[in-house]
Amino acid sequence: MASGWITRITNNSQYEFIFRQIDNNMHPVITSNNGVDILEQNISNPQNVQVQSGQQIRVRPGGSLTASWFAIPWNGWGSLTIRHNNNSVVVVTGPHEGKDYLLFDGVVDKALFIGNQHAWQNVEFEIAIDQKGGMVFKPIGSNDFDWLRQKLAELAVQLFWFLINGNKPNGQPQAHAQSVQRQHEHPTGL
């Protein structure tokens, strides 16, 4: 089983984002930060504070955090919702045909392979957010994920602009699910 973990979030955009992880077993611990709030605990700039399942982490413009135990939950066991205003995307890890993938809104893209289903593997991600590059999930700690790094960079701009205004970067309104589905009709596969 492959697991996804978030170790750092950096928001260099002019927008705030809310991260809400629901997981009964893994609870993020924000180890250091700037420009971050745990909304339900009324804590600004927490240091070494555990976030409970379902609590919201707000990352303000210019904000950043480092964390431990910040799992991207396993499909069916929890979820990570990333939100800006009324737009959100749900991120989980999960199996498909004997392999594990990073799933956005439940869509399997074979290019987002993170490990074999029956082998214990961990992929750590840094999330970097800015208006130009989008919202990039960067795999860290291994050169084995260069292909995953490239695919996630390709999806980053679309993900960012969907969260900001529900539109593609060129301004044409398009439902996220339809847009993602079209991108996944011709997966690169592995």
N, C-alpha and C. Protein backbone atom coordinates (compact mmCIF):
# COMPACT_ATOMS: atom_id res chain seq x y z
N MET A 1 0.85 -1.17 0.00
CA MET A 1 0.00 0.00 0.00
C MET A 1 0.89 1.23 0.00
N ALA A 2 0.64 2.13 -0.92
CA ALA A 2 1.40 3.37 -0.99
C ALA A 2 0.66 4.46 -0.21
N SER A 3 1.42 5.25 0.50
CA SER A 3 0.85 6.33 1.30
C SER A 3 1.40 7.67 0.83
N GLY A 4 0.56 8.69 0.88
CA GLY A 4 0.98 10.04 0.55
C GLY A 4 0.98 10.90 1.80
N TRP A 5 2.02 11.72 1.95
CA TRP A 5 2.18 12.57 3.12
C TRP A 5 2.54 13.98 2.68
N ILE A 6 1.98 14.97 3.33
CA ILE A 6 2.32 16.37 3.05
C ILE A 6 3.29 16.82 4.13
N THR A 7 4.45 17.32 3.71
CA THR A 7 5.45 17.78 4.67
C THR A 7 5.57 19.31 4.70
N ARG A 8 5.14 19.96 3.63
CA ARG A 8 5.26 21.42 3.57
C ARG A 8 4.18 21.97 2.63
N ILE A 9 3.63 23.13 3.01
CA ILE A 9 2.73 23.88 2.13
C ILE A 9 3.25 25.31 2.11
N THR A 10 3.44 25.86 0.91
CA THR A 10 3.87 27.24 0.74
C THR A 10 2.90 27.94 -0.19
N ASN A 11 2.29 29.02 0.28
CA ASN A 11 1.30 29.75 -0.51
C ASN A 11 1.87 31.11 -0.90
N ASN A 12 2.40 31.20 -2.11
CA ASN A 12 2.93 32.45 -2.64
C ASN A 12 1.93 33.15 -3.55
N SER A 13 0.65 32.86 -3.36
CA SER A 13 -0.39 33.51 -4.16
C SER A 13 -1.04 34.62 -3.32
N GLN A 14 -1.97 35.32 -3.94
CA GLN A 14 -2.71 36.37 -3.23
C GLN A 14 -4.00 35.83 -2.62
N TYR A 15 -4.20 34.52 -2.63
CA TYR A 15 -5.43 33.90 -2.17
C TYR A 15 -5.16 33.02 -0.95
N GLU A 16 -6.19 32.87 -0.10
CA GLU A 16 -6.06 31.93 1.01
C GLU A 16 -6.70 30.61 0.61
N PHE A 17 -6.19 29.53 1.20
CA PHE A 17 -6.69 28.19 0.93
C PHE A 17 -6.94 27.48 2.25
N ILE A 18 -7.98 26.66 2.27
CA ILE A 18 -8.34 25.88 3.45
C ILE A 18 -8.03 24.41 3.14
N PHE A 19 -7.32 23.75 4.04
CA PHE A 19 -7.02 22.32 3.95
C PHE A 19 -7.75 21.64 5.10
N ARG A 20 -8.59 20.65 4.76
CA ARG A 20 -9.36 19.94 5.78
C ARG A 20 -9.16 18.44 5.58
N GLN A 21 -8.44 17.85 6.52
CA GLN A 21 -8.14 16.43 6.44
C GLN A 21 -9.04 15.68 7.41
N ILE A 22 -9.73 14.67 6.88
CA ILE A 22 -10.54 13.79 7.72
C ILE A 22 -9.88 12.42 7.70
N ASP A 23 -9.40 11.99 8.86
CA ASP A 23 -8.73 10.70 8.99
C ASP A 23 -8.79 10.32 10.46
N ASN A 24 -9.33 9.16 10.77
CA ASN A 24 -9.46 8.75 12.16
C ASN A 24 -8.15 8.36 12.82
N ASN A 25 -7.13 8.06 12.02
CA ASN A 25 -5.87 7.59 12.59
C ASN A 25 -4.73 8.59 12.53
N MET A 26 -4.61 9.33 11.45
CA MET A 26 -3.49 10.24 11.26
C MET A 26 -3.98 11.68 11.39
N HIS A 27 -3.34 12.43 12.27
CA HIS A 27 -3.72 13.82 12.49
C HIS A 27 -2.48 14.70 12.30
N PRO A 28 -2.57 15.69 11.41
CA PRO A 28 -1.40 16.52 11.16
C PRO A 28 -0.92 17.24 12.42
N VAL A 29 0.39 17.36 12.53
CA VAL A 29 1.00 18.20 13.56
C VAL A 29 1.74 19.29 12.81
N ILE A 30 1.30 20.53 13.00
CA ILE A 30 1.96 21.66 12.36
C ILE A 30 3.18 21.99 13.22
N THR A 31 4.36 21.76 12.66
CA THR A 31 5.59 21.94 13.43
C THR A 31 6.11 23.36 13.38
N SER A 32 5.97 24.02 12.26
CA SER A 32 6.35 25.43 12.16
C SER A 32 5.53 26.07 11.05
N ASN A 33 5.33 27.37 11.15
CA ASN A 33 4.53 28.03 10.14
C ASN A 33 4.63 29.54 10.26
N ASN A 34 4.03 30.17 9.27
CA ASN A 34 3.84 31.61 9.24
C ASN A 34 2.59 31.85 8.39
N GLY A 35 1.66 32.63 8.89
CA GLY A 35 0.46 32.92 8.11
C GLY A 35 -0.51 31.76 8.03
N VAL A 36 -0.62 30.99 9.12
CA VAL A 36 -1.46 29.79 9.15
C VAL A 36 -2.36 29.85 10.38
N ASP A 37 -3.60 29.39 10.23
CA ASP A 37 -4.55 29.34 11.34
C ASP A 37 -5.19 27.96 11.39
N ILE A 38 -5.46 27.48 12.60
CA ILE A 38 -6.32 26.31 12.79
C ILE A 38 -7.65 26.91 13.24
N LEU A 39 -8.63 26.92 12.36
CA LEU A 39 -9.85 27.69 12.58
C LEU A 39 -10.64 27.24 13.80
N GLU A 40 -10.88 25.95 13.95
CA GLU A 40 -11.70 25.47 15.06
C GLU A 40 -11.02 25.62 16.42
N GLN A 41 -9.71 25.72 16.44
CA GLN A 41 -8.99 25.91 17.69
C GLN A 41 -8.70 27.38 17.98
N ASN A 42 -9.06 28.26 17.03
CA ASN A 42 -8.78 29.69 17.16
C ASN A 42 -7.31 29.96 17.46
N ILE A 43 -6.44 29.25 16.74
CA ILE A 43 -5.01 29.41 16.92
C ILE A 43 -4.41 29.97 15.64
N SER A 44 -3.66 31.07 15.78
CA SER A 44 -2.90 31.62 14.66
C SER A 44 -1.43 31.27 14.85
N ASN A 45 -0.79 30.92 13.76
CA ASN A 45 0.63 30.56 13.75
C ASN A 45 0.97 29.50 14.79
N PRO A 46 0.29 28.34 14.74
CA PRO A 46 0.55 27.28 15.73
C PRO A 46 1.95 26.69 15.55
N GLN A 47 2.55 26.33 16.66
CA GLN A 47 3.84 25.66 16.66
C GLN A 47 3.69 24.34 17.40
N ASN A 48 3.99 23.22 16.74
CA ASN A 48 3.87 21.90 17.35
C ASN A 48 2.47 21.64 17.90
N VAL A 49 1.45 21.95 17.08
CA VAL A 49 0.06 21.76 17.48
C VAL A 49 -0.57 20.70 16.57
N GLN A 50 -1.26 19.76 17.19
CA GLN A 50 -1.96 18.72 16.43
C GLN A 50 -3.31 19.24 15.98
N VAL A 51 -3.63 18.95 14.73
CA VAL A 51 -4.91 19.31 14.14
C VAL A 51 -5.79 18.06 14.17
N GLN A 52 -6.97 18.15 14.73
CA GLN A 52 -7.86 17.00 14.83
C GLN A 52 -8.58 16.75 13.50
N SER A 53 -9.05 15.54 13.33
CA SER A 53 -9.77 15.16 12.12
C SER A 53 -10.94 16.11 11.88
N GLY A 54 -11.02 16.64 10.66
CA GLY A 54 -12.11 17.53 10.28
C GLY A 54 -11.86 19.00 10.55
N GLN A 55 -10.80 19.33 11.29
CA GLN A 55 -10.51 20.74 11.54
C GLN A 55 -9.86 21.35 10.30
N GLN A 56 -10.06 22.65 10.16
CA GLN A 56 -9.60 23.36 8.97
C GLN A 56 -8.30 24.12 9.25
N ILE A 57 -7.37 23.97 8.30
CA ILE A 57 -6.11 24.70 8.34
C ILE A 57 -6.17 25.75 7.25
N ARG A 58 -6.12 27.01 7.64
CA ARG A 58 -6.13 28.11 6.66
C ARG A 58 -4.69 28.54 6.42
N VAL A 59 -4.30 28.56 5.14
CA VAL A 59 -2.99 29.05 4.76
C VAL A 59 -3.22 30.37 4.02
N ARG A 60 -2.87 31.46 4.70
CA ARG A 60 -3.11 32.80 4.15
C ARG A 60 -2.11 33.13 3.04
N PRO A 61 -2.38 34.18 2.25
CA PRO A 61 -1.42 34.60 1.22
C PRO A 61 -0.05 34.85 1.86
N GLY A 62 0.98 34.29 1.27
CA GLY A 62 2.33 34.40 1.81
C GLY A 62 2.62 33.44 2.94
N GLY A 63 1.64 32.62 3.32
CA GLY A 63 1.80 31.69 4.44
C GLY A 63 2.50 30.41 4.04
N SER A 64 3.05 29.74 5.05
CA SER A 64 3.69 28.45 4.82
C SER A 64 3.66 27.65 6.10
N LEU A 65 3.78 26.34 5.95
CA LEU A 65 3.84 25.47 7.12
C LEU A 65 4.67 24.25 6.80
N THR A 66 5.23 23.67 7.87
CA THR A 66 5.80 22.35 7.80
C THR A 66 4.99 21.49 8.75
N ALA A 67 4.89 20.21 8.43
CA ALA A 67 4.03 19.34 9.22
C ALA A 67 4.57 17.92 9.25
N SER A 68 4.14 17.20 10.26
CA SER A 68 4.36 15.76 10.33
C SER A 68 2.97 15.12 10.44
N TRP A 69 2.89 13.85 10.13
CA TRP A 69 1.65 13.09 10.22
C TRP A 69 0.49 13.66 9.38
N PHE A 70 0.81 14.46 8.35
CA PHE A 70 -0.21 15.07 7.50
C PHE A 70 -0.45 14.13 6.32
N ALA A 71 -1.23 13.09 6.57
CA ALA A 71 -1.50 12.06 5.56
C ALA A 71 -2.49 12.56 4.52
N ILE A 72 -2.29 12.10 3.30
CA ILE A 72 -3.34 12.18 2.28
C ILE A 72 -4.08 10.86 2.44
N PRO A 73 -5.28 10.89 3.02
CA PRO A 73 -5.95 9.65 3.44
C PRO A 73 -6.20 8.66 2.31
N TRP A 74 -6.33 7.42 2.71
CA TRP A 74 -6.65 6.31 1.83
C TRP A 74 -8.13 6.40 1.46
N ASN A 75 -8.44 6.22 0.20
CA ASN A 75 -9.81 6.27 -0.29
C ASN A 75 -10.71 5.33 0.52
N GLY A 76 -11.80 5.86 1.04
CA GLY A 76 -12.71 5.09 1.86
C GLY A 76 -12.42 5.18 3.34
N TRP A 77 -11.25 5.70 3.71
CA TRP A 77 -10.86 5.84 5.11
C TRP A 77 -10.76 7.28 5.53
N GLY A 78 -10.86 8.20 4.60
CA GLY A 78 -10.78 9.62 4.92
C GLY A 78 -10.64 10.42 3.64
N SER A 79 -10.34 11.70 3.80
CA SER A 79 -10.18 12.57 2.63
C SER A 79 -9.41 13.82 3.02
N LEU A 80 -8.85 14.45 2.03
CA LEU A 80 -8.24 15.77 2.17
C LEU A 80 -8.97 16.68 1.20
N THR A 81 -9.66 17.68 1.74
CA THR A 81 -10.36 18.65 0.89
C THR A 81 -9.57 19.95 0.89
N ILE A 82 -9.32 20.47 -0.30
CA ILE A 82 -8.65 21.76 -0.45
C ILE A 82 -9.69 22.70 -1.02
N ARG A 83 -9.85 23.86 -0.36
CA ARG A 83 -10.95 24.75 -0.72
C ARG A 83 -10.48 26.20 -0.79
N HIS A 84 -11.08 26.92 -1.73
CA HIS A 84 -11.02 28.38 -1.79
C HIS A 84 -12.44 28.85 -2.08
N ASN A 85 -12.99 29.67 -1.19
CA ASN A 85 -14.38 30.10 -1.30
C ASN A 85 -15.29 28.88 -1.46
N ASN A 86 -16.07 28.82 -2.54
CA ASN A 86 -17.02 27.71 -2.73
C ASN A 86 -16.49 26.59 -3.61
N ASN A 87 -15.25 26.70 -4.05
CA ASN A 87 -14.67 25.68 -4.92
C ASN A 87 -13.76 24.77 -4.11
N SER A 88 -13.88 23.47 -4.35
CA SER A 88 -13.04 22.53 -3.60
C SER A 88 -12.69 21.33 -4.47
N VAL A 89 -11.63 20.66 -4.06
CA VAL A 89 -11.22 19.41 -4.68
C VAL A 89 -10.86 18.45 -3.55
N VAL A 90 -11.21 17.18 -3.73
CA VAL A 90 -10.92 16.15 -2.73
C VAL A 90 -9.76 15.31 -3.24
N VAL A 91 -8.76 15.14 -2.39
CA VAL A 91 -7.56 14.38 -2.74
C VAL A 91 -7.47 13.18 -1.79
N VAL A 92 -7.26 12.00 -2.36
CA VAL A 92 -7.05 10.77 -1.59
C VAL A 92 -6.01 9.93 -2.32
N THR A 93 -5.56 8.86 -1.67
CA THR A 93 -4.77 7.84 -2.34
C THR A 93 -5.65 6.60 -2.43
N GLY A 94 -5.41 5.78 -3.45
CA GLY A 94 -6.24 4.60 -3.56
C GLY A 94 -5.81 3.65 -4.65
N PRO A 95 -6.36 2.44 -4.61
CA PRO A 95 -5.95 1.39 -5.53
C PRO A 95 -6.75 1.38 -6.83
N HIS A 96 -6.10 0.85 -7.85
CA HIS A 96 -6.75 0.58 -9.12
C HIS A 96 -5.87 -0.43 -9.86
N GLU A 97 -6.44 -1.57 -10.17
CA GLU A 97 -5.74 -2.61 -10.94
C GLU A 97 -4.37 -2.96 -10.33
N GLY A 98 -4.32 -3.11 -9.00
CA GLY A 98 -3.11 -3.58 -8.34
C GLY A 98 -2.05 -2.52 -8.07
N LYS A 99 -2.36 -1.27 -8.37
CA LYS A 99 -1.42 -0.18 -8.11
C LYS A 99 -2.14 0.92 -7.34
N ASP A 100 -1.37 1.76 -6.66
CA ASP A 100 -1.94 2.87 -5.90
C ASP A 100 -1.66 4.18 -6.61
N TYR A 101 -2.65 5.07 -6.50
CA TYR A 101 -2.60 6.34 -7.22
C TYR A 101 -2.98 7.50 -6.31
N LEU A 102 -2.56 8.68 -6.70
CA LEU A 102 -3.05 9.92 -6.11
C LEU A 102 -4.31 10.27 -6.90
N LEU A 103 -5.45 10.40 -6.21
CA LEU A 103 -6.73 10.63 -6.88
C LEU A 103 -7.23 12.04 -6.58
N PHE A 104 -7.63 12.76 -7.60
CA PHE A 104 -8.25 14.07 -7.46
C PHE A 104 -9.72 13.91 -7.83
N ASP A 105 -10.61 14.20 -6.87
CA ASP A 105 -12.05 14.03 -7.06
C ASP A 105 -12.42 12.63 -7.54
N GLY A 106 -11.69 11.63 -7.05
CA GLY A 106 -12.02 10.24 -7.33
C GLY A 106 -11.61 9.72 -8.69
N VAL A 107 -10.94 10.53 -9.50
CA VAL A 107 -10.57 10.13 -10.85
C VAL A 107 -9.21 9.44 -10.83
N VAL A 108 -9.14 8.26 -11.44
CA VAL A 108 -7.88 7.53 -11.57
C VAL A 108 -7.19 7.99 -12.85
N ASP A 109 -6.00 8.53 -12.70
CA ASP A 109 -5.14 8.87 -13.83
C ASP A 109 -3.90 8.00 -13.66
N LYS A 110 -3.66 7.10 -14.58
CA LYS A 110 -2.56 6.15 -14.42
C LYS A 110 -1.20 6.83 -14.39
N ALA A 111 -1.13 8.09 -14.79
CA ALA A 111 0.13 8.83 -14.70
C ALA A 111 0.43 9.28 -13.27
N LEU A 112 -0.57 9.19 -12.37
CA LEU A 112 -0.38 9.63 -10.99
C LEU A 112 -0.12 8.43 -10.07
N PHE A 113 0.60 7.45 -10.58
CA PHE A 113 0.98 6.25 -9.86
C PHE A 113 1.94 6.61 -8.73
N ILE A 114 1.65 6.12 -7.51
CA ILE A 114 2.55 6.41 -6.38
C ILE A 114 3.13 5.15 -5.76
N GLY A 115 2.72 3.96 -6.19
CA GLY A 115 3.32 2.74 -5.65
C GLY A 115 2.50 1.51 -5.94
N ASN A 116 3.07 0.37 -5.61
CA ASN A 116 2.38 -0.90 -5.80
C ASN A 116 1.46 -1.17 -4.63
N GLN A 117 0.32 -1.75 -4.91
CA GLN A 117 -0.73 -1.94 -3.92
C GLN A 117 -0.29 -2.82 -2.75
N HIS A 118 0.57 -3.77 -2.96
CA HIS A 118 0.92 -4.71 -1.90
C HIS A 118 2.33 -4.50 -1.35
N ALA A 119 2.90 -3.33 -1.57
CA ALA A 119 4.22 -2.99 -1.03
C ALA A 119 4.07 -1.70 -0.23
N TRP A 120 4.68 -1.64 0.93
CA TRP A 120 4.58 -0.44 1.76
C TRP A 120 5.54 0.60 1.20
N GLN A 121 4.97 1.68 0.65
CA GLN A 121 5.76 2.77 0.08
C GLN A 121 5.19 4.08 0.57
N ASN A 122 6.06 5.06 0.79
CA ASN A 122 5.64 6.38 1.22
C ASN A 122 6.14 7.41 0.22
N VAL A 123 5.25 8.32 -0.16
CA VAL A 123 5.62 9.44 -1.01
C VAL A 123 5.30 10.71 -0.24
N GLU A 124 6.34 11.53 -0.03
CA GLU A 124 6.14 12.81 0.65
C GLU A 124 5.98 13.90 -0.41
N PHE A 125 5.06 14.83 -0.11
CA PHE A 125 4.78 15.93 -1.04
C PHE A 125 4.97 17.27 -0.36
N GLU A 126 5.53 18.20 -1.11
CA GLU A 126 5.46 19.61 -0.76
C GLU A 126 4.41 20.20 -1.70
N ILE A 127 3.54 21.06 -1.17
CA ILE A 127 2.56 21.73 -2.01
C ILE A 127 3.01 23.18 -2.14
N ALA A 128 3.29 23.59 -3.37
CA ALA A 128 3.71 24.96 -3.66
C ALA A 128 2.60 25.64 -4.45
N ILE A 129 2.15 26.80 -3.98
CA ILE A 129 1.02 27.51 -4.60
C ILE A 129 1.48 28.89 -5.04
N ASP A 130 1.24 29.21 -6.31
CA ASP A 130 1.39 30.59 -6.80
C ASP A 130 0.57 30.75 -8.07
N GLN A 131 0.32 32.00 -8.45
CA GLN A 131 -0.56 32.25 -9.59
C GLN A 131 0.01 31.74 -10.91
N LYS A 132 1.33 31.76 -11.06
CA LYS A 132 1.93 31.35 -12.32
C LYS A 132 2.02 29.83 -12.44
N GLY A 133 2.56 29.18 -11.42
CA GLY A 133 2.78 27.74 -11.48
C GLY A 133 1.58 26.92 -11.06
N GLY A 134 0.61 27.54 -10.36
CA GLY A 134 -0.58 26.83 -9.91
C GLY A 134 -0.40 26.24 -8.53
N MET A 135 -1.04 25.09 -8.29
CA MET A 135 -0.93 24.37 -7.03
C MET A 135 -0.23 23.05 -7.33
N VAL A 136 1.08 23.04 -7.08
CA VAL A 136 1.90 21.90 -7.46
C VAL A 136 2.12 20.98 -6.27
N PHE A 137 1.77 19.71 -6.41
CA PHE A 137 2.12 18.67 -5.45
C PHE A 137 3.48 18.15 -5.91
N LYS A 138 4.55 18.46 -5.18
CA LYS A 138 5.90 18.06 -5.58
C LYS A 138 6.35 16.85 -4.76
N PRO A 139 6.54 15.69 -5.40
CA PRO A 139 7.10 14.55 -4.66
C PRO A 139 8.54 14.89 -4.28
N ILE A 140 8.91 14.58 -3.05
CA ILE A 140 10.27 14.89 -2.60
C ILE A 140 10.95 13.62 -2.11
N GLY A 141 12.26 13.67 -2.06
CA GLY A 141 13.02 12.59 -1.46
C GLY A 141 13.37 11.44 -2.38
N SER A 142 13.02 11.50 -3.66
CA SER A 142 13.34 10.40 -4.55
C SER A 142 13.33 10.87 -6.00
N ASN A 143 14.35 10.48 -6.74
CA ASN A 143 14.37 10.77 -8.17
C ASN A 143 13.47 9.82 -8.94
N ASP A 144 12.99 8.78 -8.27
CA ASP A 144 12.12 7.81 -8.93
C ASP A 144 10.78 8.41 -9.33
N PHE A 145 10.48 9.60 -8.85
CA PHE A 145 9.17 10.20 -9.12
C PHE A 145 9.25 11.39 -10.08
N ASP A 146 10.28 11.44 -10.93
CA ASP A 146 10.39 12.55 -11.89
C ASP A 146 9.19 12.60 -12.82
N TRP A 147 8.69 11.46 -13.30
CA TRP A 147 7.53 11.42 -14.18
C TRP A 147 6.28 11.90 -13.46
N LEU A 148 6.13 11.54 -12.16
CA LEU A 148 4.99 11.99 -11.36
C LEU A 148 5.08 13.50 -11.15
N ARG A 149 6.28 13.99 -10.86
CA ARG A 149 6.51 15.42 -10.66
C ARG A 149 6.08 16.19 -11.91
N GLN A 150 6.42 15.69 -13.10
CA GLN A 150 6.06 16.35 -14.35
C GLN A 150 4.54 16.36 -14.55
N LYS A 151 3.88 15.25 -14.32
CA LYS A 151 2.43 15.18 -14.53
C LYS A 151 1.69 16.10 -13.56
N LEU A 152 2.12 16.12 -12.29
CA LEU A 152 1.48 16.99 -11.31
C LEU A 152 1.70 18.46 -11.65
N ALA A 153 2.85 18.80 -12.21
CA ALA A 153 3.09 20.17 -12.64
C ALA A 153 2.16 20.55 -13.78
N GLU A 154 1.86 19.61 -14.67
CA GLU A 154 0.92 19.87 -15.77
C GLU A 154 -0.49 20.15 -15.25
N LEU A 155 -0.90 19.46 -14.19
CA LEU A 155 -2.24 19.64 -13.63
C LEU A 155 -2.35 20.86 -12.71
N ALA A 156 -1.23 21.40 -12.28
CA ALA A 156 -1.20 22.42 -11.24
C ALA A 156 -1.96 23.69 -11.59
N VAL A 157 -1.79 24.20 -12.79
CA VAL A 157 -2.44 25.46 -13.18
C VAL A 157 -3.95 25.28 -13.22
N GLN A 158 -4.41 24.17 -13.79
CA GLN A 158 -5.85 23.91 -13.85
C GLN A 158 -6.43 23.78 -12.44
N LEU A 159 -5.77 23.07 -11.57
CA LEU A 159 -6.24 22.90 -10.20
C LEU A 159 -6.34 24.25 -9.49
N PHE A 160 -5.32 25.07 -9.62
CA PHE A 160 -5.30 26.39 -8.98
C PHE A 160 -6.48 27.25 -9.45
N TRP A 161 -6.64 27.38 -10.77
CA TRP A 161 -7.68 28.27 -11.28
C TRP A 161 -9.08 27.72 -11.03
N PHE A 162 -9.23 26.40 -10.98
CA PHE A 162 -10.53 25.88 -10.61
C PHE A 162 -10.87 26.30 -9.18
N LEU A 163 -9.92 26.17 -8.27
CA LEU A 163 -10.18 26.54 -6.88
C LEU A 163 -10.45 28.03 -6.74
N ILE A 164 -9.80 28.86 -7.53
CA ILE A 164 -10.01 30.31 -7.43
C ILE A 164 -11.37 30.71 -7.97
N ASN A 165 -11.73 30.27 -9.17
CA ASN A 165 -12.98 30.77 -9.75
C ASN A 165 -13.78 29.75 -10.55
N GLY A 166 -13.43 28.49 -10.49
CA GLY A 166 -14.19 27.48 -11.21
C GLY A 166 -13.95 27.50 -12.70
N ASN A 167 -12.96 28.28 -13.15
CA ASN A 167 -12.69 28.41 -14.58
C ASN A 167 -11.31 27.88 -14.93
N LYS A 168 -11.16 27.56 -16.20
CA LYS A 168 -9.84 27.24 -16.71
C LYS A 168 -9.06 28.56 -16.80
N PRO A 169 -7.73 28.52 -16.89
CA PRO A 169 -6.94 29.74 -16.94
C PRO A 169 -7.31 30.69 -18.07
N ASN A 170 -7.85 30.20 -19.18
CA ASN A 170 -8.21 31.09 -20.27
C ASN A 170 -9.55 31.79 -20.04
N GLY A 171 -10.19 31.52 -18.87
CA GLY A 171 -11.42 32.22 -18.52
C GLY A 171 -12.70 31.55 -18.98
N GLN A 172 -12.59 30.44 -19.72
CA GLN A 172 -13.79 29.77 -20.17
C GLN A 172 -14.33 28.89 -19.05
N PRO A 173 -15.57 29.13 -18.61
CA PRO A 173 -16.13 28.29 -17.54
C PRO A 173 -16.18 26.83 -17.96
N GLN A 174 -15.84 25.97 -17.04
CA GLN A 174 -15.89 24.54 -17.33
C GLN A 174 -15.98 23.80 -16.00
N ALA A 175 -16.88 22.86 -15.94
CA ALA A 175 -17.01 22.06 -14.71
C ALA A 175 -15.73 21.27 -14.49
N HIS A 176 -15.27 21.25 -13.25
CA HIS A 176 -14.02 20.57 -12.92
C HIS A 176 -14.07 19.09 -13.30
N ALA A 177 -15.14 18.41 -12.97
CA ALA A 177 -15.22 16.98 -13.24
C ALA A 177 -15.11 16.71 -14.74
N GLN A 178 -15.76 17.52 -15.56
CA GLN A 178 -15.68 17.32 -17.01
C GLN A 178 -14.27 17.57 -17.50
N SER A 179 -13.64 18.62 -16.99
CA SER A 179 -12.30 18.96 -17.40
C SER A 179 -11.32 17.86 -17.03
N VAL A 180 -11.42 17.38 -15.80
CA VAL A 180 -10.54 16.31 -15.35
C VAL A 180 -10.79 15.05 -16.17
N GLN A 181 -12.06 14.73 -16.43
CA GLN A 181 -12.38 13.52 -17.18
C GLN A 181 -11.74 13.57 -18.57
N ARG A 182 -11.81 14.71 -19.26
CA ARG A 182 -11.22 14.82 -20.58
C ARG A 182 -9.72 14.59 -20.52
N GLN A 183 -9.07 15.13 -19.48
CA GLN A 183 -7.62 14.93 -19.36
C GLN A 183 -7.29 13.47 -19.14
N HIS A 184 -8.18 12.72 -18.55
CA HIS A 184 -7.87 11.34 -18.19
C HIS A 184 -8.36 10.34 -19.23
N GLU A 185 -8.97 10.81 -20.31
CA GLU A 185 -9.43 9.87 -21.34
C GLU A 185 -8.25 9.23 -22.05
N HIS A 186 -7.10 9.92 -22.06
CA HIS A 186 -5.91 9.41 -22.72
C HIS A 186 -4.75 9.41 -21.75
N PRO A 187 -4.84 8.62 -20.67
CA PRO A 187 -3.75 8.62 -19.69
C PRO A 187 -2.47 8.07 -20.28
N THR A 188 -1.38 8.56 -19.77
CA THR A 188 -0.09 8.12 -20.29
C THR A 188 0.21 6.69 -19.88
N GLY A 189 -0.36 6.24 -18.77
CA GLY A 189 -0.17 4.86 -18.31
C GLY A 189 1.27 4.60 -17.88
N LEU A 190 1.45 3.48 -17.21
CA LEU A 190 2.79 3.07 -16.79
C LEU A 190 2.97 1.61 -17.06
